[in-house]
Amino acid sequence: LDTWTHVAVVYDAGRVVTYVNGTQVHEYLGSGDIGDIAPGTDDLRIGSRQAAEQDFQGSIDEVRVWTVARSSAQIAGNYRRAPTG
C-alpha cells in the first residue's frame, strides 16, 4: 500500500515474462503471435480488460510500449531510469 512498483511484461514469440522492480516473477510459455481470439475486443488497454469488469484500483504514473522484446538485463538495468528522447 502506498508504494510505487515497476511492472514490466515482455511478450516474445509466445513467451510471456513478467518482472516486478526489475526481477522476473513469472513466465508463461504459450505459442504463436498475439491475435484476435475474440474479434472486436482487441483494444490495447493498460489497467483494465475490454471484455471483463477488471479495472486496476490505483494510480499509474508512466507507461512505455516497445515494439521489440526487452531482455531481462534491459528491464533490470533501466526500470528506475526516466525515458529520454
N, C-alpha and C. Protein backbone atom coordinates (compact mmCIF):
# COMPACT_ATOMS: atom_id res chain seq x y z
N LEU A 1 0.84 -1.18 0.00
CA LEU A 1 0.00 0.00 0.00
C LEU A 1 0.88 1.24 0.00
N ASP A 2 0.54 2.22 -0.81
CA ASP A 2 1.26 3.49 -0.91
C ASP A 2 2.72 3.32 -1.31
N THR A 3 3.01 2.34 -2.14
CA THR A 3 4.37 2.10 -2.63
C THR A 3 4.33 1.98 -4.14
N TRP A 4 5.24 2.70 -4.83
CA TRP A 4 5.33 2.58 -6.27
C TRP A 4 6.00 1.26 -6.63
N THR A 5 5.48 0.58 -7.62
CA THR A 5 6.02 -0.69 -8.08
C THR A 5 6.14 -0.63 -9.60
N HIS A 6 7.30 -1.04 -10.11
CA HIS A 6 7.50 -1.11 -11.55
C HIS A 6 7.13 -2.50 -12.03
N VAL A 7 6.23 -2.59 -12.98
CA VAL A 7 5.81 -3.87 -13.55
C VAL A 7 6.09 -3.83 -15.05
N ALA A 8 6.77 -4.84 -15.55
CA ALA A 8 7.04 -4.96 -16.99
C ALA A 8 6.60 -6.33 -17.46
N VAL A 9 5.95 -6.36 -18.61
CA VAL A 9 5.55 -7.62 -19.23
C VAL A 9 6.16 -7.64 -20.62
N VAL A 10 6.91 -8.70 -20.92
CA VAL A 10 7.57 -8.84 -22.21
C VAL A 10 6.97 -10.05 -22.92
N TYR A 11 6.53 -9.84 -24.17
CA TYR A 11 6.00 -10.92 -24.99
C TYR A 11 6.93 -11.11 -26.17
N ASP A 12 7.40 -12.34 -26.37
CA ASP A 12 8.30 -12.62 -27.49
C ASP A 12 8.02 -14.02 -28.03
N ALA A 13 7.32 -14.08 -29.16
CA ALA A 13 7.03 -15.33 -29.86
C ALA A 13 6.44 -16.41 -28.94
N GLY A 14 5.46 -16.03 -28.15
CA GLY A 14 4.77 -16.99 -27.28
C GLY A 14 5.28 -17.05 -25.86
N ARG A 15 6.41 -16.46 -25.57
CA ARG A 15 6.96 -16.44 -24.21
C ARG A 15 6.56 -15.13 -23.55
N VAL A 16 5.85 -15.21 -22.44
CA VAL A 16 5.41 -14.04 -21.70
C VAL A 16 6.14 -14.03 -20.37
N VAL A 17 6.91 -12.97 -20.11
CA VAL A 17 7.69 -12.88 -18.88
C VAL A 17 7.26 -11.61 -18.15
N THR A 18 7.00 -11.73 -16.85
CA THR A 18 6.61 -10.60 -16.02
C THR A 18 7.72 -10.29 -15.04
N TYR A 19 8.04 -9.00 -14.91
CA TYR A 19 9.06 -8.52 -13.98
C TYR A 19 8.42 -7.54 -13.01
N VAL A 20 8.85 -7.59 -11.76
CA VAL A 20 8.45 -6.62 -10.75
C VAL A 20 9.72 -6.02 -10.17
N ASN A 21 9.83 -4.70 -10.28
CA ASN A 21 11.02 -3.97 -9.83
C ASN A 21 12.30 -4.59 -10.38
N GLY A 22 12.28 -4.96 -11.65
CA GLY A 22 13.46 -5.46 -12.33
C GLY A 22 13.76 -6.94 -12.14
N THR A 23 12.95 -7.63 -11.35
CA THR A 23 13.18 -9.05 -11.08
C THR A 23 12.07 -9.89 -11.72
N GLN A 24 12.46 -10.95 -12.44
CA GLN A 24 11.47 -11.82 -13.06
C GLN A 24 10.66 -12.54 -11.98
N VAL A 25 9.33 -12.47 -12.09
CA VAL A 25 8.46 -13.12 -11.11
C VAL A 25 7.56 -14.18 -11.72
N HIS A 26 7.44 -14.20 -13.06
CA HIS A 26 6.55 -15.17 -13.68
C HIS A 26 6.95 -15.36 -15.14
N GLU A 27 6.74 -16.57 -15.64
CA GLU A 27 6.97 -16.86 -17.05
C GLU A 27 5.89 -17.82 -17.53
N TYR A 28 5.38 -17.56 -18.72
CA TYR A 28 4.37 -18.41 -19.32
C TYR A 28 4.82 -18.74 -20.74
N LEU A 29 4.81 -19.99 -21.10
CA LEU A 29 5.17 -20.41 -22.45
C LEU A 29 3.91 -20.73 -23.22
N GLY A 30 3.56 -19.82 -24.11
CA GLY A 30 2.41 -20.02 -24.97
C GLY A 30 2.90 -20.40 -26.35
N SER A 31 2.20 -19.95 -27.37
CA SER A 31 2.68 -20.21 -28.72
C SER A 31 2.14 -19.16 -29.66
N GLY A 32 2.91 -18.88 -30.70
CA GLY A 32 2.46 -18.02 -31.78
C GLY A 32 2.41 -16.54 -31.48
N ASP A 33 1.85 -15.83 -32.45
CA ASP A 33 1.71 -14.39 -32.36
C ASP A 33 0.49 -14.01 -31.54
N ILE A 34 0.48 -12.76 -31.08
CA ILE A 34 -0.72 -12.23 -30.42
C ILE A 34 -1.76 -12.02 -31.50
N GLY A 35 -2.98 -12.45 -31.26
CA GLY A 35 -4.02 -12.29 -32.27
C GLY A 35 -5.38 -12.15 -31.63
N ASP A 36 -6.36 -12.12 -32.47
CA ASP A 36 -7.75 -11.97 -32.02
C ASP A 36 -8.36 -13.32 -31.67
N ILE A 37 -8.55 -13.56 -30.39
CA ILE A 37 -9.33 -14.74 -30.03
C ILE A 37 -10.80 -14.36 -29.89
N ALA A 38 -11.06 -13.06 -29.74
CA ALA A 38 -12.43 -12.56 -29.69
C ALA A 38 -12.47 -11.29 -30.55
N PRO A 39 -12.74 -11.42 -31.85
CA PRO A 39 -12.77 -10.25 -32.72
C PRO A 39 -13.67 -9.15 -32.15
N GLY A 40 -13.18 -7.92 -32.25
CA GLY A 40 -13.93 -6.79 -31.73
C GLY A 40 -13.56 -6.41 -30.31
N THR A 41 -12.75 -7.25 -29.67
CA THR A 41 -12.32 -6.93 -28.30
C THR A 41 -10.80 -6.96 -28.23
N ASP A 42 -10.16 -6.23 -29.14
CA ASP A 42 -8.71 -6.28 -29.21
C ASP A 42 -8.04 -4.93 -28.95
N ASP A 43 -8.67 -4.07 -28.17
CA ASP A 43 -8.07 -2.78 -27.81
C ASP A 43 -6.88 -3.00 -26.88
N LEU A 44 -5.85 -2.16 -27.05
CA LEU A 44 -4.76 -2.15 -26.09
C LEU A 44 -5.23 -1.35 -24.88
N ARG A 45 -5.24 -1.98 -23.73
CA ARG A 45 -5.68 -1.32 -22.51
C ARG A 45 -4.65 -1.53 -21.42
N ILE A 46 -4.40 -0.50 -20.66
CA ILE A 46 -3.49 -0.56 -19.52
C ILE A 46 -4.34 -0.38 -18.27
N GLY A 47 -4.37 -1.37 -17.43
CA GLY A 47 -5.12 -1.27 -16.18
C GLY A 47 -6.55 -1.75 -16.24
N SER A 48 -6.96 -2.34 -17.36
CA SER A 48 -8.31 -2.89 -17.44
C SER A 48 -8.37 -3.92 -18.57
N ARG A 49 -9.50 -4.59 -18.65
CA ARG A 49 -9.72 -5.57 -19.72
C ARG A 49 -11.00 -5.19 -20.43
N GLN A 50 -10.97 -5.26 -21.75
CA GLN A 50 -12.12 -4.84 -22.54
C GLN A 50 -13.33 -5.74 -22.33
N ALA A 51 -13.10 -7.03 -22.22
CA ALA A 51 -14.22 -7.98 -22.17
C ALA A 51 -14.63 -8.35 -20.74
N ALA A 52 -14.08 -7.67 -19.73
CA ALA A 52 -14.41 -8.04 -18.35
C ALA A 52 -14.37 -6.80 -17.47
N GLU A 53 -15.04 -6.85 -16.37
CA GLU A 53 -15.04 -5.76 -15.40
C GLU A 53 -13.89 -5.98 -14.41
N GLN A 54 -12.68 -5.78 -14.88
CA GLN A 54 -11.49 -5.98 -14.05
C GLN A 54 -10.60 -4.75 -14.17
N ASP A 55 -10.94 -3.68 -13.50
CA ASP A 55 -10.17 -2.45 -13.58
C ASP A 55 -9.17 -2.36 -12.43
N PHE A 56 -7.96 -1.89 -12.75
CA PHE A 56 -6.91 -1.68 -11.76
C PHE A 56 -7.34 -0.60 -10.78
N GLN A 57 -7.21 -0.86 -9.50
CA GLN A 57 -7.57 0.11 -8.47
C GLN A 57 -6.30 0.73 -7.92
N GLY A 58 -5.89 1.86 -8.46
CA GLY A 58 -4.67 2.53 -8.04
C GLY A 58 -4.29 3.59 -9.04
N SER A 59 -3.07 4.07 -8.98
CA SER A 59 -2.57 5.08 -9.88
C SER A 59 -1.49 4.49 -10.78
N ILE A 60 -1.50 4.91 -12.04
CA ILE A 60 -0.47 4.52 -12.98
C ILE A 60 0.25 5.80 -13.37
N ASP A 61 1.56 5.84 -13.11
CA ASP A 61 2.33 7.05 -13.32
C ASP A 61 2.92 7.14 -14.72
N GLU A 62 3.38 6.05 -15.26
CA GLU A 62 4.12 6.08 -16.52
C GLU A 62 3.90 4.77 -17.26
N VAL A 63 3.74 4.85 -18.57
CA VAL A 63 3.56 3.66 -19.39
C VAL A 63 4.52 3.75 -20.57
N ARG A 64 5.21 2.66 -20.84
CA ARG A 64 6.09 2.56 -22.01
C ARG A 64 5.65 1.35 -22.82
N VAL A 65 5.53 1.51 -24.11
CA VAL A 65 5.22 0.40 -25.01
C VAL A 65 6.34 0.32 -26.03
N TRP A 66 6.98 -0.83 -26.10
CA TRP A 66 8.08 -1.05 -27.03
C TRP A 66 7.62 -1.93 -28.18
N THR A 67 8.23 -1.76 -29.34
CA THR A 67 7.91 -2.61 -30.49
C THR A 67 8.88 -3.77 -30.62
N VAL A 68 9.79 -3.91 -29.66
CA VAL A 68 10.72 -5.04 -29.61
C VAL A 68 10.68 -5.62 -28.20
N ALA A 69 11.00 -6.90 -28.10
CA ALA A 69 11.04 -7.55 -26.78
C ALA A 69 12.30 -7.09 -26.04
N ARG A 70 12.14 -6.63 -24.82
CA ARG A 70 13.26 -6.20 -23.99
C ARG A 70 13.83 -7.40 -23.26
N SER A 71 15.16 -7.43 -23.12
CA SER A 71 15.81 -8.54 -22.41
C SER A 71 15.69 -8.35 -20.91
N SER A 72 15.95 -9.41 -20.16
CA SER A 72 15.91 -9.30 -18.70
C SER A 72 16.95 -8.30 -18.21
N ALA A 73 18.12 -8.25 -18.87
CA ALA A 73 19.16 -7.28 -18.48
C ALA A 73 18.69 -5.85 -18.74
N GLN A 74 17.99 -5.62 -19.84
CA GLN A 74 17.47 -4.29 -20.13
C GLN A 74 16.41 -3.88 -19.12
N ILE A 75 15.54 -4.79 -18.76
CA ILE A 75 14.50 -4.49 -17.77
C ILE A 75 15.14 -4.16 -16.43
N ALA A 76 16.02 -5.03 -15.95
CA ALA A 76 16.66 -4.85 -14.64
C ALA A 76 17.54 -3.60 -14.60
N GLY A 77 18.21 -3.29 -15.70
CA GLY A 77 19.14 -2.18 -15.71
C GLY A 77 18.52 -0.81 -15.94
N ASN A 78 17.27 -0.78 -16.38
CA ASN A 78 16.68 0.50 -16.75
C ASN A 78 15.35 0.83 -16.09
N TYR A 79 14.83 0.00 -15.23
CA TYR A 79 13.48 0.25 -14.73
C TYR A 79 13.39 1.49 -13.84
N ARG A 80 14.50 1.95 -13.30
CA ARG A 80 14.48 3.16 -12.46
C ARG A 80 14.82 4.42 -13.25
N ARG A 81 15.17 4.29 -14.50
CA ARG A 81 15.57 5.44 -15.30
C ARG A 81 14.36 6.08 -16.00
N ALA A 82 14.37 7.39 -16.08
CA ALA A 82 13.33 8.11 -16.80
C ALA A 82 13.63 8.01 -18.30
N PRO A 83 12.59 7.93 -19.13
CA PRO A 83 12.83 7.86 -20.57
C PRO A 83 13.43 9.17 -21.09
N THR A 84 14.22 9.06 -22.13
CA THR A 84 14.81 10.23 -22.77
C THR A 84 14.54 10.16 -24.26
N GLY A 85 14.63 11.31 -24.92
CA GLY A 85 14.48 11.32 -26.37
C GLY A 85 13.13 11.71 -26.84
